[in-house]
Amino acid sequence: DFGEAFDRLRSGGEETYRSQRHSVEFVASLVPEFTVTTVSFCGRPHDDDLLSGLRSVGLTTDQRGNRAQLHQLLTQINPTLAIVRTPNPHILSWLTTRNIPTLCCFADIFTEQKHDGLLAPWRRFRDSQRLEHLTTLLNHPAITAVCNHNLNASLSLVNYLHIPTDKIMAWDW
């Protein structure tokens, strides 16, 4: 919830994770040059103007799979550039279809999921289809780079999602 974190930190509150203050301040520092809208999946649905040019939209975690609602929100925001912090295929699909330059900046390690039981073959097939779709989206030319939070997580993009190494950047504050 970017809006909650922004308000809490601005009023002298504590970080809830390492470098949260740095992250929030960085996003806010983009405002003089850009109009910035953050969209978070969180427990507090909201649409708040935090500063002139800085907006926080909160969707519930249940809404992350609602393609129509996400596409409607993105159409309303009408971004010219995007930084995507979650590998959500509905968001990535909307951005790539419109060739909007996008930087993906994840903090995820992509690995094969283990499935047991009678439905295991179906679940493995479903997972492989989702990953194939995510790989296609991340390899789209509109996705300018795919960043991950350290070297091992970045290598998982190569080994598991087959993203070319020249499109990957490891990051850390």
N, C-alpha and C. Protein backbone atom coordinates (compact mmCIF):
# COMPACT_ATOMS: atom_id res chain seq x y z
N ASP A 1 0.86 -1.17 0.00
CA ASP A 1 0.00 0.00 0.00
C ASP A 1 0.90 1.24 0.00
N PHE A 2 1.19 1.73 -1.21
CA PHE A 2 2.10 2.87 -1.33
C PHE A 2 1.57 4.09 -0.58
N GLY A 3 0.28 4.37 -0.69
CA GLY A 3 -0.29 5.54 -0.04
C GLY A 3 -0.13 5.48 1.47
N GLU A 4 -0.39 4.33 2.07
CA GLU A 4 -0.24 4.17 3.51
C GLU A 4 1.22 4.37 3.90
N ALA A 5 2.14 3.76 3.17
CA ALA A 5 3.57 3.89 3.49
C ALA A 5 4.03 5.33 3.34
N PHE A 6 3.59 6.01 2.28
CA PHE A 6 3.96 7.40 2.06
C PHE A 6 3.52 8.26 3.24
N ASP A 7 2.26 8.13 3.64
CA ASP A 7 1.74 8.92 4.76
C ASP A 7 2.45 8.58 6.07
N ARG A 8 2.66 7.30 6.34
CA ARG A 8 3.31 6.88 7.58
C ARG A 8 4.73 7.41 7.66
N LEU A 9 5.49 7.25 6.59
CA LEU A 9 6.89 7.69 6.60
C LEU A 9 6.99 9.21 6.64
N ARG A 10 6.10 9.90 5.96
CA ARG A 10 6.12 11.37 5.95
C ARG A 10 5.81 11.93 7.33
N SER A 11 5.02 11.20 8.12
CA SER A 11 4.70 11.67 9.48
C SER A 11 5.68 11.13 10.52
N GLY A 12 6.82 10.57 10.07
CA GLY A 12 7.86 10.12 11.00
C GLY A 12 7.74 8.68 11.44
N GLY A 13 6.86 7.92 10.84
CA GLY A 13 6.70 6.51 11.21
C GLY A 13 7.87 5.65 10.75
N GLU A 14 7.85 4.42 11.18
CA GLU A 14 8.93 3.46 10.91
C GLU A 14 8.70 2.71 9.60
N GLU A 15 9.80 2.22 9.04
CA GLU A 15 9.73 1.33 7.88
C GLU A 15 9.18 -0.02 8.31
N THR A 16 8.49 -0.69 7.41
CA THR A 16 8.03 -2.06 7.69
C THR A 16 8.92 -3.09 7.00
N TYR A 17 9.84 -2.65 6.15
CA TYR A 17 10.85 -3.53 5.57
C TYR A 17 12.06 -2.68 5.21
N ARG A 18 13.19 -3.35 5.01
CA ARG A 18 14.45 -2.67 4.73
C ARG A 18 14.34 -1.82 3.47
N SER A 19 14.80 -0.60 3.54
CA SER A 19 14.86 0.34 2.43
C SER A 19 13.49 0.81 1.95
N GLN A 20 12.46 0.64 2.75
CA GLN A 20 11.14 1.12 2.36
C GLN A 20 11.14 2.64 2.18
N ARG A 21 11.78 3.35 3.10
CA ARG A 21 11.83 4.81 3.00
C ARG A 21 12.52 5.23 1.70
N HIS A 22 13.63 4.58 1.39
CA HIS A 22 14.35 4.90 0.16
C HIS A 22 13.46 4.67 -1.07
N SER A 23 12.73 3.57 -1.07
CA SER A 23 11.86 3.24 -2.19
C SER A 23 10.75 4.27 -2.34
N VAL A 24 10.09 4.61 -1.25
CA VAL A 24 8.98 5.57 -1.29
C VAL A 24 9.49 6.95 -1.72
N GLU A 25 10.63 7.36 -1.15
CA GLU A 25 11.19 8.67 -1.52
C GLU A 25 11.61 8.70 -2.98
N PHE A 26 12.14 7.59 -3.49
CA PHE A 26 12.52 7.55 -4.90
C PHE A 26 11.30 7.75 -5.81
N VAL A 27 10.23 7.03 -5.52
CA VAL A 27 9.02 7.16 -6.35
C VAL A 27 8.51 8.61 -6.28
N ALA A 28 8.47 9.18 -5.09
CA ALA A 28 7.99 10.56 -4.94
C ALA A 28 8.91 11.54 -5.67
N SER A 29 10.21 11.23 -5.76
CA SER A 29 11.15 12.14 -6.42
C SER A 29 10.94 12.20 -7.93
N LEU A 30 10.19 11.28 -8.49
CA LEU A 30 9.91 11.28 -9.92
C LEU A 30 8.88 12.34 -10.31
N VAL A 31 8.14 12.85 -9.32
CA VAL A 31 7.02 13.76 -9.58
C VAL A 31 7.42 15.04 -10.32
N PRO A 32 8.50 15.69 -10.03
CA PRO A 32 8.76 16.92 -10.79
C PRO A 32 8.83 16.70 -12.31
N GLU A 33 9.27 15.49 -12.70
CA GLU A 33 9.43 15.20 -14.12
C GLU A 33 8.25 14.43 -14.72
N PHE A 34 7.55 13.67 -13.89
CA PHE A 34 6.48 12.80 -14.36
C PHE A 34 5.24 12.94 -13.47
N THR A 35 4.08 12.64 -14.03
CA THR A 35 2.90 12.38 -13.22
C THR A 35 2.97 10.91 -12.86
N VAL A 36 2.93 10.60 -11.58
CA VAL A 36 3.16 9.23 -11.10
C VAL A 36 1.89 8.69 -10.46
N THR A 37 1.49 7.51 -10.92
CA THR A 37 0.39 6.78 -10.29
C THR A 37 0.93 5.43 -9.87
N THR A 38 0.82 5.12 -8.58
CA THR A 38 1.18 3.79 -8.10
C THR A 38 -0.10 2.98 -7.96
N VAL A 39 -0.02 1.72 -8.32
CA VAL A 39 -1.15 0.80 -8.14
C VAL A 39 -0.64 -0.34 -7.29
N SER A 40 -1.29 -0.56 -6.16
CA SER A 40 -0.88 -1.61 -5.22
C SER A 40 -2.02 -2.59 -5.01
N PHE A 41 -1.66 -3.85 -4.85
CA PHE A 41 -2.62 -4.84 -4.39
C PHE A 41 -2.44 -4.89 -2.87
N CYS A 42 -3.47 -4.48 -2.14
CA CYS A 42 -3.33 -4.34 -0.69
C CYS A 42 -4.69 -4.56 -0.02
N GLY A 43 -4.73 -4.37 1.26
CA GLY A 43 -5.96 -4.59 1.99
C GLY A 43 -6.88 -3.38 2.07
N ARG A 44 -6.46 -2.26 1.45
CA ARG A 44 -7.22 -1.02 1.57
C ARG A 44 -7.54 -0.48 0.19
N PRO A 45 -8.75 -0.72 -0.32
CA PRO A 45 -9.11 -0.12 -1.60
C PRO A 45 -9.12 1.40 -1.46
N HIS A 46 -8.46 2.09 -2.38
CA HIS A 46 -8.41 3.55 -2.29
C HIS A 46 -7.97 4.15 -3.62
N ASP A 47 -8.19 5.44 -3.74
CA ASP A 47 -7.69 6.24 -4.86
C ASP A 47 -7.40 7.61 -4.27
N ASP A 48 -6.15 7.84 -3.87
CA ASP A 48 -5.77 9.03 -3.13
C ASP A 48 -4.74 9.86 -3.89
N ASP A 49 -4.92 11.17 -3.89
CA ASP A 49 -3.90 12.08 -4.37
C ASP A 49 -3.01 12.40 -3.17
N LEU A 50 -1.75 11.98 -3.22
CA LEU A 50 -0.84 12.18 -2.09
C LEU A 50 -0.17 13.54 -2.16
N LEU A 51 0.21 13.94 -3.34
CA LEU A 51 0.80 15.24 -3.64
C LEU A 51 0.32 15.62 -5.03
N SER A 52 0.54 16.83 -5.43
CA SER A 52 0.23 17.20 -6.80
C SER A 52 1.12 16.37 -7.72
N GLY A 53 0.51 15.52 -8.55
CA GLY A 53 1.27 14.67 -9.46
C GLY A 53 1.61 13.30 -8.92
N LEU A 54 1.19 12.98 -7.68
CA LEU A 54 1.47 11.66 -7.09
C LEU A 54 0.16 11.07 -6.57
N ARG A 55 -0.24 9.98 -7.20
CA ARG A 55 -1.52 9.32 -6.90
C ARG A 55 -1.25 7.89 -6.46
N SER A 56 -2.02 7.43 -5.48
CA SER A 56 -1.94 6.05 -5.01
C SER A 56 -3.30 5.39 -5.20
N VAL A 57 -3.31 4.29 -5.93
CA VAL A 57 -4.52 3.50 -6.13
C VAL A 57 -4.29 2.16 -5.46
N GLY A 58 -5.24 1.74 -4.66
CA GLY A 58 -5.16 0.45 -4.00
C GLY A 58 -6.27 -0.46 -4.45
N LEU A 59 -5.89 -1.65 -4.88
CA LEU A 59 -6.85 -2.69 -5.25
C LEU A 59 -6.70 -3.83 -4.26
N THR A 60 -7.77 -4.56 -4.00
CA THR A 60 -7.67 -5.70 -3.10
C THR A 60 -6.91 -6.83 -3.79
N THR A 61 -6.34 -7.70 -3.01
CA THR A 61 -5.61 -8.83 -3.59
C THR A 61 -6.53 -9.71 -4.43
N ASP A 62 -7.83 -9.71 -4.13
CA ASP A 62 -8.79 -10.47 -4.93
C ASP A 62 -8.91 -9.93 -6.35
N GLN A 63 -8.57 -8.66 -6.54
CA GLN A 63 -8.72 -8.02 -7.85
C GLN A 63 -7.53 -8.27 -8.77
N ARG A 64 -6.46 -8.87 -8.28
CA ARG A 64 -5.27 -9.04 -9.13
C ARG A 64 -5.52 -9.97 -10.32
N GLY A 65 -6.52 -10.81 -10.25
CA GLY A 65 -6.83 -11.69 -11.38
C GLY A 65 -7.97 -11.21 -12.25
N ASN A 66 -8.50 -10.03 -11.96
CA ASN A 66 -9.64 -9.50 -12.70
C ASN A 66 -9.13 -8.70 -13.91
N ARG A 67 -8.97 -9.39 -15.02
CA ARG A 67 -8.41 -8.78 -16.23
C ARG A 67 -9.19 -7.54 -16.66
N ALA A 68 -10.51 -7.63 -16.72
CA ALA A 68 -11.32 -6.50 -17.19
C ALA A 68 -11.13 -5.28 -16.31
N GLN A 69 -11.14 -5.47 -15.01
CA GLN A 69 -10.98 -4.35 -14.09
C GLN A 69 -9.58 -3.75 -14.17
N LEU A 70 -8.56 -4.58 -14.27
CA LEU A 70 -7.19 -4.08 -14.40
C LEU A 70 -7.02 -3.31 -15.71
N HIS A 71 -7.55 -3.85 -16.79
CA HIS A 71 -7.43 -3.17 -18.08
C HIS A 71 -8.20 -1.84 -18.07
N GLN A 72 -9.35 -1.80 -17.42
CA GLN A 72 -10.11 -0.56 -17.32
C GLN A 72 -9.32 0.49 -16.54
N LEU A 73 -8.71 0.08 -15.42
CA LEU A 73 -7.91 1.01 -14.63
C LEU A 73 -6.71 1.52 -15.42
N LEU A 74 -6.01 0.62 -16.11
CA LEU A 74 -4.85 1.03 -16.91
C LEU A 74 -5.26 1.97 -18.04
N THR A 75 -6.39 1.72 -18.65
CA THR A 75 -6.89 2.61 -19.69
C THR A 75 -7.16 4.00 -19.12
N GLN A 76 -7.74 4.05 -17.93
CA GLN A 76 -8.03 5.32 -17.28
C GLN A 76 -6.73 6.05 -16.91
N ILE A 77 -5.72 5.32 -16.41
CA ILE A 77 -4.45 5.94 -16.03
C ILE A 77 -3.70 6.41 -17.28
N ASN A 78 -3.77 5.62 -18.35
CA ASN A 78 -3.15 5.95 -19.63
C ASN A 78 -1.65 6.22 -19.51
N PRO A 79 -0.88 5.23 -19.03
CA PRO A 79 0.54 5.47 -18.81
C PRO A 79 1.32 5.60 -20.13
N THR A 80 2.38 6.37 -20.08
CA THR A 80 3.30 6.47 -21.22
C THR A 80 4.57 5.68 -20.94
N LEU A 81 4.84 5.39 -19.69
CA LEU A 81 5.95 4.55 -19.23
C LEU A 81 5.42 3.75 -18.04
N ALA A 82 6.02 2.60 -17.77
CA ALA A 82 5.57 1.82 -16.62
C ALA A 82 6.75 1.12 -15.95
N ILE A 83 6.66 1.04 -14.64
CA ILE A 83 7.53 0.19 -13.84
C ILE A 83 6.60 -0.81 -13.18
N VAL A 84 6.82 -2.07 -13.43
CA VAL A 84 5.95 -3.13 -12.93
C VAL A 84 6.73 -3.94 -11.90
N ARG A 85 6.17 -4.04 -10.69
CA ARG A 85 6.85 -4.73 -9.59
C ARG A 85 6.27 -6.11 -9.32
N THR A 86 5.30 -6.55 -10.10
CA THR A 86 4.72 -7.88 -9.92
C THR A 86 4.54 -8.53 -11.29
N PRO A 87 4.83 -9.81 -11.40
CA PRO A 87 4.70 -10.47 -12.71
C PRO A 87 3.26 -10.83 -13.04
N ASN A 88 2.40 -9.83 -13.06
CA ASN A 88 0.98 -10.05 -13.32
C ASN A 88 0.75 -10.09 -14.83
N PRO A 89 0.32 -11.21 -15.37
CA PRO A 89 0.17 -11.31 -16.83
C PRO A 89 -0.88 -10.38 -17.41
N HIS A 90 -1.93 -10.05 -16.66
CA HIS A 90 -2.96 -9.15 -17.18
C HIS A 90 -2.39 -7.74 -17.38
N ILE A 91 -1.60 -7.29 -16.43
CA ILE A 91 -0.98 -5.97 -16.54
C ILE A 91 0.05 -5.97 -17.66
N LEU A 92 0.93 -6.98 -17.67
CA LEU A 92 1.97 -7.05 -18.70
C LEU A 92 1.37 -7.16 -20.10
N SER A 93 0.29 -7.90 -20.23
CA SER A 93 -0.36 -8.06 -21.53
C SER A 93 -0.90 -6.72 -22.02
N TRP A 94 -1.55 -5.97 -21.14
CA TRP A 94 -2.10 -4.67 -21.52
C TRP A 94 -0.98 -3.75 -21.97
N LEU A 95 0.12 -3.71 -21.23
CA LEU A 95 1.24 -2.82 -21.56
C LEU A 95 1.92 -3.21 -22.86
N THR A 96 2.16 -4.51 -23.06
CA THR A 96 2.87 -4.94 -24.27
C THR A 96 2.00 -4.79 -25.51
N THR A 97 0.70 -5.01 -25.38
CA THR A 97 -0.20 -4.84 -26.52
C THR A 97 -0.17 -3.40 -27.03
N ARG A 98 0.07 -2.47 -26.12
CA ARG A 98 0.11 -1.05 -26.48
C ARG A 98 1.54 -0.53 -26.66
N ASN A 99 2.51 -1.44 -26.60
CA ASN A 99 3.93 -1.09 -26.77
C ASN A 99 4.38 0.03 -25.83
N ILE A 100 3.93 -0.01 -24.60
CA ILE A 100 4.33 0.99 -23.61
C ILE A 100 5.66 0.55 -23.00
N PRO A 101 6.69 1.39 -23.11
CA PRO A 101 7.99 1.01 -22.53
C PRO A 101 7.84 0.68 -21.04
N THR A 102 8.31 -0.51 -20.68
CA THR A 102 8.08 -1.03 -19.33
C THR A 102 9.36 -1.61 -18.77
N LEU A 103 9.64 -1.23 -17.54
CA LEU A 103 10.73 -1.81 -16.76
C LEU A 103 10.09 -2.73 -15.74
N CYS A 104 10.44 -4.00 -15.77
CA CYS A 104 9.96 -4.94 -14.76
C CYS A 104 11.03 -5.03 -13.67
N CYS A 105 10.61 -4.89 -12.45
CA CYS A 105 11.54 -4.87 -11.33
C CYS A 105 10.97 -5.76 -10.24
N PHE A 106 11.38 -7.02 -10.22
CA PHE A 106 10.79 -8.02 -9.34
C PHE A 106 11.67 -8.29 -8.12
N ALA A 107 11.06 -8.94 -7.18
CA ALA A 107 11.77 -9.49 -6.02
C ALA A 107 11.25 -10.92 -5.85
N ASP A 108 11.38 -11.70 -6.91
CA ASP A 108 10.84 -13.06 -6.94
C ASP A 108 11.91 -14.01 -7.46
N ILE A 109 11.90 -15.23 -6.91
CA ILE A 109 12.71 -16.30 -7.48
C ILE A 109 11.74 -17.24 -8.17
N PHE A 110 12.00 -17.50 -9.43
CA PHE A 110 11.13 -18.35 -10.23
C PHE A 110 11.71 -19.76 -10.22
N THR A 111 10.92 -20.71 -9.71
CA THR A 111 11.35 -22.10 -9.64
C THR A 111 10.19 -23.00 -10.03
N GLU A 112 10.51 -24.23 -10.31
CA GLU A 112 9.48 -25.20 -10.63
C GLU A 112 8.69 -25.55 -9.38
N GLN A 113 7.37 -25.53 -9.51
CA GLN A 113 6.50 -25.87 -8.39
C GLN A 113 6.34 -27.38 -8.32
N LYS A 114 6.39 -27.92 -7.13
CA LYS A 114 6.19 -29.36 -6.92
C LYS A 114 4.71 -29.63 -6.71
N HIS A 115 4.18 -30.63 -7.41
CA HIS A 115 2.77 -31.00 -7.27
C HIS A 115 2.68 -32.49 -7.01
N ASP A 116 1.82 -32.86 -6.06
CA ASP A 116 1.57 -34.25 -5.73
C ASP A 116 0.09 -34.56 -5.92
N GLY A 117 -0.24 -35.82 -5.95
CA GLY A 117 -1.64 -36.23 -5.98
C GLY A 117 -2.15 -36.47 -7.39
N LEU A 118 -3.44 -36.76 -7.45
CA LEU A 118 -4.07 -37.12 -8.71
C LEU A 118 -4.11 -35.96 -9.70
N LEU A 119 -4.16 -34.74 -9.20
CA LEU A 119 -4.22 -33.58 -10.09
C LEU A 119 -2.85 -33.04 -10.47
N ALA A 120 -1.79 -33.68 -10.04
CA ALA A 120 -0.43 -33.18 -10.30
C ALA A 120 -0.14 -32.99 -11.79
N PRO A 121 -0.48 -33.94 -12.67
CA PRO A 121 -0.19 -33.71 -14.10
C PRO A 121 -0.91 -32.48 -14.65
N TRP A 122 -2.18 -32.31 -14.26
CA TRP A 122 -2.93 -31.14 -14.72
C TRP A 122 -2.32 -29.86 -14.17
N ARG A 123 -1.92 -29.83 -12.88
CA ARG A 123 -1.32 -28.64 -12.29
C ARG A 123 0.02 -28.31 -12.94
N ARG A 124 0.81 -29.33 -13.26
CA ARG A 124 2.10 -29.09 -13.95
C ARG A 124 1.85 -28.49 -15.33
N PHE A 125 0.85 -29.01 -16.05
CA PHE A 125 0.50 -28.46 -17.36
C PHE A 125 0.04 -27.01 -17.24
N ARG A 126 -0.85 -26.74 -16.30
CA ARG A 126 -1.35 -25.38 -16.07
C ARG A 126 -0.19 -24.43 -15.76
N ASP A 127 0.70 -24.85 -14.88
CA ASP A 127 1.85 -24.01 -14.53
C ASP A 127 2.75 -23.76 -15.74
N SER A 128 2.96 -24.79 -16.56
CA SER A 128 3.82 -24.62 -17.73
C SER A 128 3.20 -23.64 -18.72
N GLN A 129 1.88 -23.67 -18.86
CA GLN A 129 1.20 -22.73 -19.76
C GLN A 129 1.33 -21.30 -19.24
N ARG A 130 1.16 -21.11 -17.93
CA ARG A 130 1.30 -19.78 -17.34
C ARG A 130 2.72 -19.25 -17.52
N LEU A 131 3.70 -20.10 -17.28
CA LEU A 131 5.09 -19.66 -17.41
C LEU A 131 5.45 -19.36 -18.85
N GLU A 132 4.93 -20.15 -19.76
CA GLU A 132 5.19 -19.89 -21.18
C GLU A 132 4.61 -18.53 -21.58
N HIS A 133 3.42 -18.22 -21.09
CA HIS A 133 2.80 -16.93 -21.37
C HIS A 133 3.62 -15.80 -20.75
N LEU A 134 4.06 -15.98 -19.50
CA LEU A 134 4.88 -14.96 -18.83
C LEU A 134 6.19 -14.76 -19.57
N THR A 135 6.80 -15.83 -20.02
CA THR A 135 8.05 -15.73 -20.79
C THR A 135 7.82 -14.93 -22.07
N THR A 136 6.74 -15.21 -22.77
CA THR A 136 6.42 -14.47 -24.00
C THR A 136 6.25 -12.99 -23.70
N LEU A 137 5.53 -12.67 -22.64
CA LEU A 137 5.32 -11.27 -22.29
C LEU A 137 6.63 -10.58 -21.92
N LEU A 138 7.45 -11.22 -21.11
CA LEU A 138 8.69 -10.59 -20.66
C LEU A 138 9.72 -10.45 -21.79
N ASN A 139 9.60 -11.25 -22.82
CA ASN A 139 10.50 -11.14 -23.96
C ASN A 139 9.99 -10.16 -25.02
N HIS A 140 8.84 -9.56 -24.79
CA HIS A 140 8.28 -8.59 -25.74
C HIS A 140 9.20 -7.36 -25.81
N PRO A 141 9.38 -6.76 -26.98
CA PRO A 141 10.25 -5.59 -27.10
C PRO A 141 9.86 -4.40 -26.22
N ALA A 142 8.59 -4.26 -25.84
CA ALA A 142 8.19 -3.15 -24.97
C ALA A 142 8.75 -3.30 -23.56
N ILE A 143 9.07 -4.53 -23.18
CA ILE A 143 9.69 -4.76 -21.87
C ILE A 143 11.18 -4.48 -22.05
N THR A 144 11.60 -3.32 -21.58
CA THR A 144 12.97 -2.87 -21.85
C THR A 144 14.01 -3.60 -21.03
N ALA A 145 13.65 -4.02 -19.82
CA ALA A 145 14.56 -4.78 -18.97
C ALA A 145 13.73 -5.52 -17.93
N VAL A 146 14.30 -6.62 -17.45
CA VAL A 146 13.69 -7.37 -16.37
C VAL A 146 14.72 -7.43 -15.26
N CYS A 147 14.40 -6.78 -14.16
CA CYS A 147 15.32 -6.71 -13.03
C CYS A 147 14.83 -7.65 -11.94
N ASN A 148 15.78 -8.19 -11.19
CA ASN A 148 15.43 -8.99 -10.04
C ASN A 148 16.37 -8.64 -8.91
N HIS A 149 15.99 -8.96 -7.68
CA HIS A 149 16.61 -8.37 -6.50
C HIS A 149 18.01 -8.87 -6.15
N ASN A 150 18.52 -9.86 -6.78
CA ASN A 150 19.91 -10.27 -6.55
C ASN A 150 20.34 -11.20 -7.68
N LEU A 151 21.57 -11.63 -7.64
CA LEU A 151 22.10 -12.45 -8.74
C LEU A 151 21.36 -13.78 -8.88
N ASN A 152 21.12 -14.48 -7.77
CA ASN A 152 20.43 -15.78 -7.87
C ASN A 152 19.01 -15.63 -8.40
N ALA A 153 18.30 -14.62 -7.94
CA ALA A 153 16.94 -14.38 -8.44
C ALA A 153 16.98 -14.00 -9.92
N SER A 154 18.00 -13.25 -10.30
CA SER A 154 18.15 -12.88 -11.72
C SER A 154 18.46 -14.11 -12.56
N LEU A 155 19.28 -15.00 -12.04
CA LEU A 155 19.58 -16.24 -12.77
C LEU A 155 18.34 -17.10 -12.95
N SER A 156 17.40 -17.02 -12.01
CA SER A 156 16.16 -17.80 -12.16
C SER A 156 15.36 -17.31 -13.37
N LEU A 157 15.52 -16.03 -13.73
CA LEU A 157 14.86 -15.52 -14.93
C LEU A 157 15.44 -16.17 -16.18
N VAL A 158 16.74 -16.43 -16.17
CA VAL A 158 17.40 -17.07 -17.30
C VAL A 158 17.07 -18.56 -17.32
N ASN A 159 17.26 -19.22 -16.18
CA ASN A 159 17.14 -20.67 -16.13
C ASN A 159 15.72 -21.18 -16.19
N TYR A 160 14.78 -20.44 -15.63
CA TYR A 160 13.42 -20.94 -15.55
C TYR A 160 12.48 -20.27 -16.55
N LEU A 161 12.68 -18.98 -16.79
CA LEU A 161 11.80 -18.27 -17.71
C LEU A 161 12.43 -18.02 -19.08
N HIS A 162 13.72 -18.34 -19.22
CA HIS A 162 14.42 -18.22 -20.49
C HIS A 162 14.44 -16.79 -21.03
N ILE A 163 14.66 -15.84 -20.13
CA ILE A 163 14.81 -14.45 -20.53
C ILE A 163 16.28 -14.28 -20.94
N PRO A 164 16.57 -13.63 -22.06
CA PRO A 164 17.96 -13.45 -22.49
C PRO A 164 18.75 -12.64 -21.45
N THR A 165 19.99 -13.01 -21.24
CA THR A 165 20.81 -12.35 -20.22
C THR A 165 21.00 -10.86 -20.50
N ASP A 166 20.98 -10.45 -21.77
CA ASP A 166 21.17 -9.03 -22.05
C ASP A 166 19.95 -8.18 -21.71
N LYS A 167 18.87 -8.82 -21.28
CA LYS A 167 17.66 -8.09 -20.90
C LYS A 167 17.49 -8.07 -19.37
N ILE A 168 18.40 -8.70 -18.65
CA ILE A 168 18.28 -8.87 -17.21
C ILE A 168 19.30 -8.01 -16.46
N MET A 169 18.83 -7.39 -15.38
CA MET A 169 19.71 -6.65 -14.49
C MET A 169 19.41 -7.05 -13.05
N ALA A 170 20.45 -7.43 -12.31
CA ALA A 170 20.30 -7.68 -10.90
C ALA A 170 20.32 -6.32 -10.18
N TRP A 171 19.52 -6.15 -9.16
CA TRP A 171 19.50 -4.88 -8.45
C TRP A 171 19.50 -5.10 -6.95
N ASP A 172 19.96 -4.12 -6.26
CA ASP A 172 19.86 -4.02 -4.81
C ASP A 172 20.08 -2.56 -4.47
N TRP A 173 19.48 -2.10 -3.42
CA TRP A 173 19.68 -0.69 -3.06
C TRP A 173 21.15 -0.46 -2.74
